[in-house]
Amino acid sequence: MNITIFGATGTVGQALLKEALSREHEVTAVVRDVSRLSEKHERLHVVQGDILDPASVSEHTKGREAVISAYGPKFGSEEELVEAARSLVEGVRRSGVKRLLVVGGAGSLMTDEGVRLMDTPSFPAEVFPLAKAHADAYEIYSQSDLEWTYLSPAAVLEDGRRIGNFRVGIDRLITDELGSSRISTGDLAAALMDEMEDPYFVASRFTAGY
């Protein structure tokens, strides 16, 4: 497929980029600073753009079969997630592309106790603003008329390789027999690429974990 990835310089974005290229997709990586992306590949095209500008989003997504966002704001600029969501929806709509896949946060997933992860007593206070921004951005995607999919990771996202043995769910946090909820960036990327290639969670959120 011919796809565009936003946020390709981040930890998740780099994993998505590698996974997409390994599956022989044609990838346009939109970054604010092209010097930050050192990856070289014959099917990779690195362009300068701004996810917060709908015109820029439209320019770099036109003619693509799918658009992926793994955008993450800097600490203290969490509200940019909401701005990015609005810009993505508007820009992708302008470009005529229907398929939008977003890697978001885990905070709004439900725990076995029936409350959102971000509302549990053990949830780190310093991470709450980011979780809240992810939850607000998710609402924007969920109300759009695009063929959107929102992927929430497990509670702990580890920078690591693809194992290939993970489970998927919808709105409930995935935990193992010890109550741990985690997944590697490699497997999260694989889960999203699986969904892009063989859509199942269209106009829906899903999650992945071990």
N, C-alpha and C. Protein backbone atom coordinates (compact mmCIF):
# COMPACT_ATOMS: atom_id res chain seq x y z
N MET A 1 0.83 -1.19 0.00
CA MET A 1 0.00 0.00 0.00
C MET A 1 0.87 1.25 0.00
N ASN A 2 0.30 2.35 -0.41
CA ASN A 2 0.97 3.64 -0.40
C ASN A 2 0.41 4.42 0.79
N ILE A 3 1.24 4.65 1.82
CA ILE A 3 0.74 5.21 3.06
C ILE A 3 1.57 6.41 3.51
N THR A 4 0.98 7.22 4.40
CA THR A 4 1.68 8.32 5.05
C THR A 4 1.72 8.08 6.55
N ILE A 5 2.87 8.32 7.15
CA ILE A 5 3.01 8.18 8.61
C ILE A 5 3.42 9.52 9.20
N PHE A 6 2.66 9.98 10.19
CA PHE A 6 3.03 11.14 10.99
C PHE A 6 3.62 10.66 12.31
N GLY A 7 4.61 11.38 12.82
CA GLY A 7 5.24 10.99 14.08
C GLY A 7 6.26 9.89 13.92
N ALA A 8 6.87 9.81 12.76
CA ALA A 8 7.79 8.71 12.46
C ALA A 8 9.11 8.79 13.20
N THR A 9 9.41 9.93 13.83
CA THR A 9 10.68 10.03 14.56
C THR A 9 10.56 9.58 16.01
N GLY A 10 9.34 9.35 16.48
CA GLY A 10 9.14 8.89 17.84
C GLY A 10 9.42 7.40 17.98
N THR A 11 9.38 6.92 19.21
CA THR A 11 9.68 5.50 19.46
C THR A 11 8.70 4.58 18.76
N VAL A 12 7.40 4.88 18.89
CA VAL A 12 6.38 4.06 18.22
C VAL A 12 6.44 4.29 16.72
N GLY A 13 6.62 5.54 16.32
CA GLY A 13 6.67 5.86 14.90
C GLY A 13 7.79 5.14 14.18
N GLN A 14 8.95 5.04 14.81
CA GLN A 14 10.06 4.33 14.19
C GLN A 14 9.76 2.84 14.04
N ALA A 15 9.08 2.28 15.03
CA ALA A 15 8.70 0.87 14.95
C ALA A 15 7.69 0.66 13.82
N LEU A 16 6.75 1.59 13.68
CA LEU A 16 5.77 1.51 12.60
C LEU A 16 6.44 1.61 11.23
N LEU A 17 7.40 2.52 11.15
CA LEU A 17 8.13 2.72 9.90
C LEU A 17 8.85 1.45 9.48
N LYS A 18 9.57 0.84 10.39
CA LYS A 18 10.30 -0.39 10.10
C LYS A 18 9.35 -1.53 9.72
N GLU A 19 8.25 -1.63 10.44
CA GLU A 19 7.28 -2.70 10.15
C GLU A 19 6.64 -2.50 8.78
N ALA A 20 6.29 -1.26 8.46
CA ALA A 20 5.67 -0.98 7.16
C ALA A 20 6.62 -1.29 6.02
N LEU A 21 7.87 -0.88 6.15
CA LEU A 21 8.85 -1.12 5.10
C LEU A 21 9.15 -2.62 4.95
N SER A 22 9.16 -3.33 6.07
CA SER A 22 9.42 -4.78 6.02
C SER A 22 8.29 -5.52 5.30
N ARG A 23 7.11 -4.90 5.29
CA ARG A 23 5.96 -5.49 4.60
C ARG A 23 5.80 -4.95 3.18
N GLU A 24 6.81 -4.22 2.72
CA GLU A 24 6.90 -3.74 1.34
C GLU A 24 5.89 -2.66 0.99
N HIS A 25 5.47 -1.88 1.99
CA HIS A 25 4.61 -0.74 1.72
C HIS A 25 5.45 0.45 1.27
N GLU A 26 4.85 1.35 0.50
CA GLU A 26 5.48 2.60 0.09
C GLU A 26 5.12 3.64 1.14
N VAL A 27 6.12 4.24 1.78
CA VAL A 27 5.88 5.08 2.95
C VAL A 27 6.36 6.50 2.75
N THR A 28 5.48 7.46 3.03
CA THR A 28 5.88 8.86 3.14
C THR A 28 5.87 9.21 4.62
N ALA A 29 7.02 9.60 5.15
CA ALA A 29 7.12 9.98 6.56
C ALA A 29 7.13 11.51 6.65
N VAL A 30 6.11 12.05 7.33
CA VAL A 30 5.99 13.50 7.47
C VAL A 30 6.57 13.91 8.83
N VAL A 31 7.61 14.72 8.81
CA VAL A 31 8.29 15.13 10.04
C VAL A 31 8.53 16.64 10.00
N ARG A 32 8.65 17.24 11.17
CA ARG A 32 8.94 18.68 11.24
C ARG A 32 10.40 18.97 10.88
N ASP A 33 11.29 18.03 11.23
CA ASP A 33 12.72 18.21 10.98
C ASP A 33 13.25 16.95 10.31
N VAL A 34 13.51 17.02 9.02
CA VAL A 34 13.91 15.82 8.26
C VAL A 34 15.26 15.27 8.73
N SER A 35 16.07 16.12 9.37
CA SER A 35 17.38 15.66 9.83
C SER A 35 17.28 14.68 10.99
N ARG A 36 16.10 14.62 11.63
CA ARG A 36 15.92 13.73 12.78
C ARG A 36 15.61 12.30 12.37
N LEU A 37 15.35 12.07 11.10
CA LEU A 37 15.03 10.72 10.63
C LEU A 37 16.17 10.22 9.75
N SER A 38 16.93 9.28 10.29
CA SER A 38 18.11 8.78 9.58
C SER A 38 17.83 7.54 8.73
N GLU A 39 16.66 6.97 8.87
CA GLU A 39 16.30 5.75 8.13
C GLU A 39 16.39 6.00 6.62
N LYS A 40 17.01 5.06 5.91
CA LYS A 40 17.12 5.15 4.46
C LYS A 40 16.52 3.89 3.83
N HIS A 41 15.69 4.07 2.82
CA HIS A 41 15.09 2.92 2.15
C HIS A 41 14.53 3.38 0.81
N GLU A 42 14.57 2.51 -0.18
CA GLU A 42 14.09 2.88 -1.52
C GLU A 42 12.59 3.16 -1.55
N ARG A 43 11.84 2.62 -0.59
CA ARG A 43 10.40 2.86 -0.56
C ARG A 43 10.01 3.91 0.50
N LEU A 44 10.99 4.59 1.07
CA LEU A 44 10.73 5.61 2.08
C LEU A 44 10.99 7.00 1.52
N HIS A 45 10.01 7.88 1.70
CA HIS A 45 10.12 9.27 1.26
C HIS A 45 9.89 10.16 2.48
N VAL A 46 10.91 10.89 2.87
CA VAL A 46 10.83 11.75 4.05
C VAL A 46 10.57 13.19 3.60
N VAL A 47 9.49 13.77 4.13
CA VAL A 47 9.12 15.14 3.75
C VAL A 47 8.90 15.98 5.00
N GLN A 48 9.09 17.26 4.86
CA GLN A 48 8.85 18.18 5.97
C GLN A 48 7.39 18.61 5.95
N GLY A 49 6.75 18.55 7.10
CA GLY A 49 5.34 18.95 7.20
C GLY A 49 4.95 19.15 8.64
N ASP A 50 3.71 19.58 8.84
CA ASP A 50 3.23 19.91 10.18
C ASP A 50 1.87 19.28 10.41
N ILE A 51 1.80 18.34 11.34
CA ILE A 51 0.54 17.67 11.64
C ILE A 51 -0.50 18.63 12.20
N LEU A 52 -0.07 19.77 12.73
CA LEU A 52 -1.01 20.74 13.31
C LEU A 52 -1.60 21.68 12.26
N ASP A 53 -1.21 21.52 11.00
CA ASP A 53 -1.69 22.35 9.90
C ASP A 53 -2.49 21.48 8.92
N PRO A 54 -3.82 21.64 8.86
CA PRO A 54 -4.63 20.80 7.97
C PRO A 54 -4.19 20.85 6.51
N ALA A 55 -3.72 22.02 6.05
CA ALA A 55 -3.25 22.13 4.66
C ALA A 55 -2.04 21.25 4.43
N SER A 56 -1.13 21.22 5.39
CA SER A 56 0.06 20.37 5.29
C SER A 56 -0.33 18.90 5.32
N VAL A 57 -1.25 18.57 6.19
CA VAL A 57 -1.75 17.18 6.27
C VAL A 57 -2.34 16.76 4.93
N SER A 58 -3.18 17.63 4.37
CA SER A 58 -3.82 17.33 3.09
C SER A 58 -2.80 17.14 1.98
N GLU A 59 -1.80 18.02 1.95
CA GLU A 59 -0.78 17.96 0.90
C GLU A 59 -0.03 16.64 0.90
N HIS A 60 0.29 16.15 2.09
CA HIS A 60 1.14 14.96 2.20
C HIS A 60 0.36 13.64 2.32
N THR A 61 -0.95 13.72 2.24
CA THR A 61 -1.75 12.49 2.31
C THR A 61 -2.54 12.24 1.03
N LYS A 62 -2.59 13.21 0.16
CA LYS A 62 -3.36 13.08 -1.08
C LYS A 62 -2.85 11.90 -1.90
N GLY A 63 -3.78 11.07 -2.36
CA GLY A 63 -3.43 9.93 -3.19
C GLY A 63 -2.99 8.70 -2.43
N ARG A 64 -2.95 8.78 -1.08
CA ARG A 64 -2.54 7.62 -0.29
C ARG A 64 -3.73 6.69 -0.02
N GLU A 65 -3.42 5.46 0.31
CA GLU A 65 -4.46 4.49 0.63
C GLU A 65 -4.79 4.48 2.12
N ALA A 66 -3.86 4.94 2.93
CA ALA A 66 -4.08 5.00 4.38
C ALA A 66 -3.14 6.02 4.99
N VAL A 67 -3.58 6.60 6.12
CA VAL A 67 -2.78 7.56 6.87
C VAL A 67 -2.65 7.04 8.29
N ILE A 68 -1.43 7.08 8.82
CA ILE A 68 -1.16 6.61 10.18
C ILE A 68 -0.58 7.75 11.00
N SER A 69 -1.03 7.88 12.24
CA SER A 69 -0.43 8.86 13.15
C SER A 69 0.04 8.18 14.43
N ALA A 70 1.33 8.43 14.74
CA ALA A 70 1.88 8.01 16.03
C ALA A 70 2.42 9.24 16.73
N TYR A 71 1.78 10.37 16.45
CA TYR A 71 2.25 11.65 16.97
C TYR A 71 2.17 11.71 18.50
N GLY A 72 3.23 12.22 19.10
CA GLY A 72 3.26 12.42 20.54
C GLY A 72 3.83 13.79 20.86
N PRO A 73 3.17 14.60 21.68
CA PRO A 73 3.66 15.94 21.98
C PRO A 73 4.78 15.94 23.01
N LYS A 74 5.46 17.06 23.11
CA LYS A 74 6.47 17.23 24.14
C LYS A 74 5.80 17.38 25.50
N PHE A 75 6.54 17.05 26.55
CA PHE A 75 6.02 17.20 27.91
C PHE A 75 5.63 18.67 28.14
N GLY A 76 4.43 18.88 28.63
CA GLY A 76 3.93 20.23 28.86
C GLY A 76 3.10 20.76 27.72
N SER A 77 3.11 20.06 26.58
CA SER A 77 2.32 20.49 25.41
C SER A 77 1.27 19.44 25.05
N GLU A 78 0.74 18.79 26.08
CA GLU A 78 -0.18 17.67 25.87
C GLU A 78 -1.41 18.04 25.04
N GLU A 79 -1.89 19.29 25.19
CA GLU A 79 -3.09 19.69 24.47
C GLU A 79 -2.89 19.72 22.96
N GLU A 80 -1.63 19.65 22.51
CA GLU A 80 -1.39 19.58 21.08
C GLU A 80 -1.99 18.30 20.48
N LEU A 81 -2.19 17.29 21.30
CA LEU A 81 -2.81 16.05 20.82
C LEU A 81 -4.21 16.32 20.29
N VAL A 82 -4.94 17.17 20.98
CA VAL A 82 -6.30 17.51 20.57
C VAL A 82 -6.26 18.33 19.28
N GLU A 83 -5.35 19.29 19.23
CA GLU A 83 -5.18 20.10 18.02
C GLU A 83 -4.78 19.22 16.84
N ALA A 84 -3.88 18.27 17.09
CA ALA A 84 -3.44 17.36 16.03
C ALA A 84 -4.59 16.50 15.53
N ALA A 85 -5.45 16.06 16.44
CA ALA A 85 -6.60 15.24 16.05
C ALA A 85 -7.52 16.01 15.12
N ARG A 86 -7.82 17.24 15.48
CA ARG A 86 -8.69 18.07 14.63
C ARG A 86 -8.04 18.31 13.27
N SER A 87 -6.74 18.60 13.27
CA SER A 87 -6.03 18.87 12.04
C SER A 87 -5.96 17.64 11.14
N LEU A 88 -5.71 16.49 11.74
CA LEU A 88 -5.64 15.24 10.98
C LEU A 88 -6.97 14.93 10.31
N VAL A 89 -8.04 15.00 11.09
CA VAL A 89 -9.36 14.69 10.55
C VAL A 89 -9.70 15.62 9.40
N GLU A 90 -9.45 16.92 9.58
CA GLU A 90 -9.76 17.90 8.54
C GLU A 90 -8.86 17.71 7.33
N GLY A 91 -7.56 17.56 7.55
CA GLY A 91 -6.62 17.42 6.44
C GLY A 91 -6.83 16.14 5.64
N VAL A 92 -7.06 15.03 6.33
CA VAL A 92 -7.29 13.76 5.64
C VAL A 92 -8.60 13.81 4.86
N ARG A 93 -9.60 14.46 5.43
CA ARG A 93 -10.87 14.61 4.73
C ARG A 93 -10.68 15.42 3.44
N ARG A 94 -9.90 16.50 3.54
CA ARG A 94 -9.64 17.34 2.36
C ARG A 94 -8.92 16.56 1.27
N SER A 95 -8.01 15.69 1.66
CA SER A 95 -7.20 14.95 0.68
C SER A 95 -8.00 13.85 -0.02
N GLY A 96 -9.15 13.50 0.54
CA GLY A 96 -9.97 12.46 -0.06
C GLY A 96 -9.65 11.06 0.40
N VAL A 97 -8.71 10.94 1.33
CA VAL A 97 -8.38 9.62 1.89
C VAL A 97 -9.40 9.26 2.96
N LYS A 98 -9.81 8.02 3.00
CA LYS A 98 -10.82 7.59 3.97
C LYS A 98 -10.23 6.92 5.20
N ARG A 99 -9.12 6.19 5.02
CA ARG A 99 -8.60 5.33 6.09
C ARG A 99 -7.59 6.08 6.96
N LEU A 100 -7.88 6.19 8.25
CA LEU A 100 -7.01 6.85 9.21
C LEU A 100 -6.81 5.94 10.41
N LEU A 101 -5.55 5.63 10.72
CA LEU A 101 -5.23 4.79 11.87
C LEU A 101 -4.35 5.58 12.83
N VAL A 102 -4.70 5.54 14.11
CA VAL A 102 -4.01 6.35 15.11
C VAL A 102 -3.55 5.48 16.27
N VAL A 103 -2.29 5.65 16.67
CA VAL A 103 -1.81 5.03 17.90
C VAL A 103 -1.95 6.07 19.00
N GLY A 104 -2.77 5.76 20.00
CA GLY A 104 -3.04 6.71 21.06
C GLY A 104 -2.56 6.24 22.41
N GLY A 105 -3.34 6.55 23.45
CA GLY A 105 -2.95 6.22 24.81
C GLY A 105 -3.80 5.10 25.41
N ALA A 106 -3.33 4.58 26.54
CA ALA A 106 -4.03 3.48 27.22
C ALA A 106 -4.93 3.97 28.35
N GLY A 107 -4.80 5.25 28.73
CA GLY A 107 -5.48 5.73 29.92
C GLY A 107 -6.98 5.61 29.94
N SER A 108 -7.61 5.65 28.77
CA SER A 108 -9.08 5.58 28.72
C SER A 108 -9.60 4.15 28.59
N LEU A 109 -8.70 3.15 28.58
CA LEU A 109 -9.14 1.76 28.58
C LEU A 109 -9.75 1.42 29.94
N MET A 110 -10.71 0.51 29.95
CA MET A 110 -11.37 0.11 31.19
C MET A 110 -10.60 -1.01 31.87
N THR A 111 -10.51 -0.94 33.18
CA THR A 111 -9.88 -2.00 33.97
C THR A 111 -10.93 -3.03 34.36
N ASP A 112 -10.48 -4.12 34.97
CA ASP A 112 -11.42 -5.16 35.43
C ASP A 112 -12.35 -4.64 36.52
N GLU A 113 -11.95 -3.53 37.16
CA GLU A 113 -12.78 -2.95 38.22
C GLU A 113 -13.87 -2.03 37.65
N GLY A 114 -13.87 -1.86 36.34
CA GLY A 114 -14.92 -1.07 35.70
C GLY A 114 -14.66 0.42 35.67
N VAL A 115 -13.41 0.84 35.89
CA VAL A 115 -13.06 2.26 35.81
C VAL A 115 -11.94 2.43 34.78
N ARG A 116 -11.82 3.63 34.26
CA ARG A 116 -10.74 3.89 33.32
C ARG A 116 -9.40 3.77 34.02
N LEU A 117 -8.40 3.30 33.30
CA LEU A 117 -7.06 3.16 33.87
C LEU A 117 -6.57 4.48 34.45
N MET A 118 -6.83 5.59 33.78
CA MET A 118 -6.37 6.89 34.22
C MET A 118 -7.07 7.38 35.49
N ASP A 119 -8.18 6.72 35.85
CA ASP A 119 -8.92 7.11 37.06
C ASP A 119 -8.62 6.20 38.25
N THR A 120 -7.70 5.26 38.08
CA THR A 120 -7.34 4.37 39.19
C THR A 120 -6.36 5.08 40.13
N PRO A 121 -6.36 4.73 41.42
CA PRO A 121 -5.48 5.39 42.39
C PRO A 121 -4.00 5.28 42.07
N SER A 122 -3.59 4.20 41.42
CA SER A 122 -2.16 3.98 41.17
C SER A 122 -1.67 4.68 39.90
N PHE A 123 -2.57 5.32 39.16
CA PHE A 123 -2.14 5.95 37.91
C PHE A 123 -1.27 7.17 38.22
N PRO A 124 -0.08 7.28 37.59
CA PRO A 124 0.85 8.37 37.91
C PRO A 124 0.25 9.75 37.63
N ALA A 125 0.30 10.63 38.61
CA ALA A 125 -0.29 11.97 38.46
C ALA A 125 0.38 12.76 37.35
N GLU A 126 1.69 12.56 37.18
CA GLU A 126 2.41 13.34 36.18
C GLU A 126 2.04 12.96 34.75
N VAL A 127 1.45 11.78 34.59
CA VAL A 127 1.07 11.30 33.26
C VAL A 127 -0.40 11.62 32.95
N PHE A 128 -1.16 12.01 33.97
CA PHE A 128 -2.60 12.23 33.79
C PHE A 128 -2.91 13.25 32.70
N PRO A 129 -2.23 14.41 32.63
CA PRO A 129 -2.56 15.37 31.55
C PRO A 129 -2.42 14.77 30.16
N LEU A 130 -1.41 13.92 29.97
CA LEU A 130 -1.23 13.27 28.67
C LEU A 130 -2.35 12.28 28.40
N ALA A 131 -2.71 11.50 29.42
CA ALA A 131 -3.80 10.54 29.27
C ALA A 131 -5.11 11.24 28.96
N LYS A 132 -5.36 12.36 29.64
CA LYS A 132 -6.58 13.13 29.39
C LYS A 132 -6.61 13.67 27.97
N ALA A 133 -5.47 14.16 27.49
CA ALA A 133 -5.39 14.68 26.13
C ALA A 133 -5.63 13.57 25.11
N HIS A 134 -5.06 12.39 25.35
CA HIS A 134 -5.31 11.24 24.47
C HIS A 134 -6.80 10.90 24.44
N ALA A 135 -7.44 10.91 25.61
CA ALA A 135 -8.86 10.58 25.69
C ALA A 135 -9.70 11.60 24.93
N ASP A 136 -9.34 12.87 25.05
CA ASP A 136 -10.07 13.93 24.33
C ASP A 136 -9.87 13.80 22.83
N ALA A 137 -8.64 13.47 22.41
CA ALA A 137 -8.35 13.28 20.99
C ALA A 137 -9.13 12.09 20.44
N TYR A 138 -9.21 11.03 21.23
CA TYR A 138 -9.97 9.84 20.82
C TYR A 138 -11.42 10.19 20.51
N GLU A 139 -12.01 11.07 21.31
CA GLU A 139 -13.39 11.49 21.07
C GLU A 139 -13.53 12.18 19.73
N ILE A 140 -12.53 12.96 19.35
CA ILE A 140 -12.57 13.66 18.06
C ILE A 140 -12.53 12.65 16.91
N TYR A 141 -11.63 11.68 17.00
CA TYR A 141 -11.56 10.66 15.96
C TYR A 141 -12.86 9.86 15.88
N SER A 142 -13.40 9.51 17.03
CA SER A 142 -14.59 8.66 17.07
C SER A 142 -15.82 9.35 16.51
N GLN A 143 -15.82 10.67 16.46
CA GLN A 143 -16.96 11.42 15.93
C GLN A 143 -16.79 11.80 14.47
N SER A 144 -15.66 11.41 13.87
CA SER A 144 -15.42 11.76 12.47
C SER A 144 -16.13 10.79 11.54
N ASP A 145 -16.24 11.20 10.27
CA ASP A 145 -16.88 10.34 9.27
C ASP A 145 -15.85 9.55 8.46
N LEU A 146 -14.61 9.53 8.93
CA LEU A 146 -13.57 8.76 8.27
C LEU A 146 -13.65 7.28 8.68
N GLU A 147 -12.95 6.44 7.94
CA GLU A 147 -12.82 5.03 8.33
C GLU A 147 -11.64 4.94 9.30
N TRP A 148 -11.89 5.39 10.51
CA TRP A 148 -10.83 5.52 11.51
C TRP A 148 -10.67 4.25 12.34
N THR A 149 -9.48 4.07 12.87
CA THR A 149 -9.19 3.04 13.86
C THR A 149 -8.22 3.63 14.87
N TYR A 150 -8.50 3.42 16.15
CA TYR A 150 -7.66 3.97 17.22
C TYR A 150 -7.10 2.80 18.02
N LEU A 151 -5.78 2.72 18.07
CA LEU A 151 -5.11 1.63 18.79
C LEU A 151 -4.56 2.13 20.12
N SER A 152 -5.06 1.57 21.21
CA SER A 152 -4.52 1.87 22.55
C SER A 152 -3.56 0.75 22.95
N PRO A 153 -2.36 1.09 23.38
CA PRO A 153 -1.42 0.05 23.80
C PRO A 153 -1.79 -0.51 25.17
N ALA A 154 -1.03 -1.47 25.63
CA ALA A 154 -1.15 -1.95 27.00
C ALA A 154 -0.69 -0.83 27.94
N ALA A 155 -0.86 -1.04 29.24
CA ALA A 155 -0.50 -0.01 30.22
C ALA A 155 0.97 0.35 30.16
N VAL A 156 1.82 -0.64 29.93
CA VAL A 156 3.26 -0.41 29.84
C VAL A 156 3.71 -0.72 28.41
N LEU A 157 4.24 0.30 27.75
CA LEU A 157 4.74 0.14 26.38
C LEU A 157 6.26 0.12 26.43
N GLU A 158 6.83 -1.01 26.08
CA GLU A 158 8.28 -1.21 26.18
C GLU A 158 8.93 -1.08 24.81
N ASP A 159 10.03 -0.36 24.76
CA ASP A 159 10.79 -0.25 23.51
C ASP A 159 11.46 -1.59 23.26
N GLY A 160 10.96 -2.31 22.29
CA GLY A 160 11.50 -3.65 22.05
C GLY A 160 11.06 -4.23 20.72
N ARG A 161 11.63 -5.37 20.40
CA ARG A 161 11.41 -6.00 19.11
C ARG A 161 10.05 -6.71 19.06
N ARG A 162 9.71 -7.08 17.87
CA ARG A 162 8.47 -7.82 17.63
C ARG A 162 8.63 -9.28 18.02
N ILE A 163 7.72 -9.77 18.86
CA ILE A 163 7.70 -11.17 19.25
C ILE A 163 6.68 -11.93 18.39
N GLY A 164 5.54 -11.26 18.15
CA GLY A 164 4.51 -11.85 17.30
C GLY A 164 3.44 -12.58 18.05
N ASN A 165 3.58 -12.68 19.36
CA ASN A 165 2.60 -13.42 20.17
C ASN A 165 1.92 -12.45 21.13
N PHE A 166 0.83 -11.84 20.68
CA PHE A 166 0.09 -10.89 21.51
C PHE A 166 -1.41 -11.09 21.32
N ARG A 167 -2.17 -10.51 22.22
CA ARG A 167 -3.63 -10.60 22.14
C ARG A 167 -4.22 -9.24 21.82
N VAL A 168 -5.40 -9.24 21.23
CA VAL A 168 -6.09 -7.99 20.96
C VAL A 168 -7.44 -7.98 21.66
N GLY A 169 -7.91 -6.78 21.98
CA GLY A 169 -9.21 -6.60 22.61
C GLY A 169 -9.82 -5.30 22.13
N ILE A 170 -10.86 -4.85 22.80
CA ILE A 170 -11.55 -3.64 22.35
C ILE A 170 -11.33 -2.49 23.34
N ASP A 171 -12.12 -2.43 24.38
CA ASP A 171 -12.05 -1.29 25.31
C ASP A 171 -11.49 -1.65 26.68
N ARG A 172 -11.20 -2.93 26.91
CA ARG A 172 -10.73 -3.36 28.22
C ARG A 172 -9.23 -3.62 28.20
N LEU A 173 -8.54 -3.12 29.22
CA LEU A 173 -7.11 -3.31 29.34
C LEU A 173 -6.76 -4.80 29.35
N ILE A 174 -5.80 -5.20 28.53
CA ILE A 174 -5.36 -6.59 28.48
C ILE A 174 -4.27 -6.81 29.52
N THR A 175 -4.46 -7.81 30.38
CA THR A 175 -3.47 -8.15 31.40
C THR A 175 -3.15 -9.64 31.33
N ASP A 176 -1.97 -10.00 31.85
CA ASP A 176 -1.63 -11.42 31.89
C ASP A 176 -2.10 -12.03 33.20
N GLU A 177 -1.71 -13.29 33.45
CA GLU A 177 -2.19 -14.00 34.64
C GLU A 177 -1.69 -13.38 35.94
N LEU A 178 -0.66 -12.55 35.85
CA LEU A 178 -0.13 -11.88 37.05
C LEU A 178 -0.68 -10.46 37.20
N GLY A 179 -1.55 -10.07 36.28
CA GLY A 179 -2.12 -8.73 36.33
C GLY A 179 -1.30 -7.67 35.63
N SER A 180 -0.20 -8.09 34.99
CA SER A 180 0.66 -7.15 34.28
C SER A 180 0.08 -6.84 32.90
N SER A 181 0.19 -5.58 32.49
CA SER A 181 -0.31 -5.16 31.18
C SER A 181 0.84 -4.49 30.43
N ARG A 182 1.33 -5.16 29.39
CA ARG A 182 2.47 -4.61 28.67
C ARG A 182 2.51 -5.13 27.23
N ILE A 183 3.27 -4.42 26.39
CA ILE A 183 3.51 -4.84 25.01
C ILE A 183 4.74 -4.10 24.51
N SER A 184 5.44 -4.66 23.56
CA SER A 184 6.61 -4.00 22.98
C SER A 184 6.17 -3.09 21.84
N THR A 185 7.01 -2.11 21.52
CA THR A 185 6.71 -1.24 20.40
C THR A 185 6.68 -2.02 19.08
N GLY A 186 7.51 -3.05 18.99
CA GLY A 186 7.51 -3.87 17.78
C GLY A 186 6.20 -4.59 17.56
N ASP A 187 5.65 -5.15 18.63
CA ASP A 187 4.38 -5.86 18.50
C ASP A 187 3.20 -4.90 18.34
N LEU A 188 3.30 -3.71 18.95
CA LEU A 188 2.24 -2.72 18.75
C LEU A 188 2.20 -2.29 17.29
N ALA A 189 3.37 -2.11 16.70
CA ALA A 189 3.44 -1.77 15.28
C ALA A 189 2.86 -2.88 14.42
N ALA A 190 3.16 -4.12 14.78
CA ALA A 190 2.63 -5.25 14.03
C ALA A 190 1.11 -5.30 14.11
N ALA A 191 0.57 -5.01 15.29
CA ALA A 191 -0.89 -5.02 15.47
C ALA A 191 -1.55 -3.98 14.59
N LEU A 192 -0.93 -2.79 14.49
CA LEU A 192 -1.53 -1.74 13.67
C LEU A 192 -1.42 -2.08 12.19
N MET A 193 -0.28 -2.62 11.76
CA MET A 193 -0.13 -2.98 10.35
C MET A 193 -1.07 -4.12 9.96
N ASP A 194 -1.28 -5.06 10.88
CA ASP A 194 -2.25 -6.13 10.63
C ASP A 194 -3.63 -5.54 10.36
N GLU A 195 -3.99 -4.54 11.17
CA GLU A 195 -5.30 -3.90 11.03
C GLU A 195 -5.39 -3.11 9.73
N MET A 196 -4.31 -2.45 9.34
CA MET A 196 -4.32 -1.69 8.10
C MET A 196 -4.50 -2.60 6.89
N GLU A 197 -3.81 -3.74 6.92
CA GLU A 197 -3.85 -4.66 5.78
C GLU A 197 -5.13 -5.48 5.73
N ASP A 198 -5.67 -5.79 6.90
CA ASP A 198 -6.88 -6.63 6.97
C ASP A 198 -7.83 -5.99 7.98
N PRO A 199 -8.57 -4.95 7.58
CA PRO A 199 -9.39 -4.16 8.51
C PRO A 199 -10.44 -4.98 9.25
N TYR A 200 -10.47 -4.79 10.54
CA TYR A 200 -11.48 -5.43 11.39
C TYR A 200 -12.10 -4.42 12.35
N PHE A 201 -11.29 -3.47 12.81
CA PHE A 201 -11.76 -2.49 13.78
C PHE A 201 -11.99 -1.12 13.13
N VAL A 202 -12.77 -1.10 12.05
CA VAL A 202 -13.08 0.17 11.38
C VAL A 202 -14.13 0.91 12.18
N ALA A 203 -13.91 2.23 12.39
CA ALA A 203 -14.78 3.06 13.22
C ALA A 203 -14.86 2.48 14.63
N SER A 204 -13.68 2.06 15.12
CA SER A 204 -13.62 1.42 16.43
C SER A 204 -12.23 1.58 17.02
N ARG A 205 -12.15 1.40 18.34
CA ARG A 205 -10.88 1.36 19.04
C ARG A 205 -10.53 -0.09 19.34
N PHE A 206 -9.26 -0.42 19.34
CA PHE A 206 -8.86 -1.74 19.83
C PHE A 206 -7.57 -1.59 20.60
N THR A 207 -7.18 -2.62 21.31
CA THR A 207 -5.98 -2.60 22.12
C THR A 207 -5.21 -3.90 21.93
N ALA A 208 -3.94 -3.88 22.28
CA ALA A 208 -3.09 -5.06 22.13
C ALA A 208 -2.20 -5.19 23.35
N GLY A 209 -1.97 -6.44 23.76
CA GLY A 209 -1.12 -6.70 24.92
C GLY A 209 -0.78 -8.16 25.01
N TYR A 210 0.11 -8.52 25.93
CA TYR A 210 0.54 -9.91 26.10
C TYR A 210 -0.39 -10.65 27.05
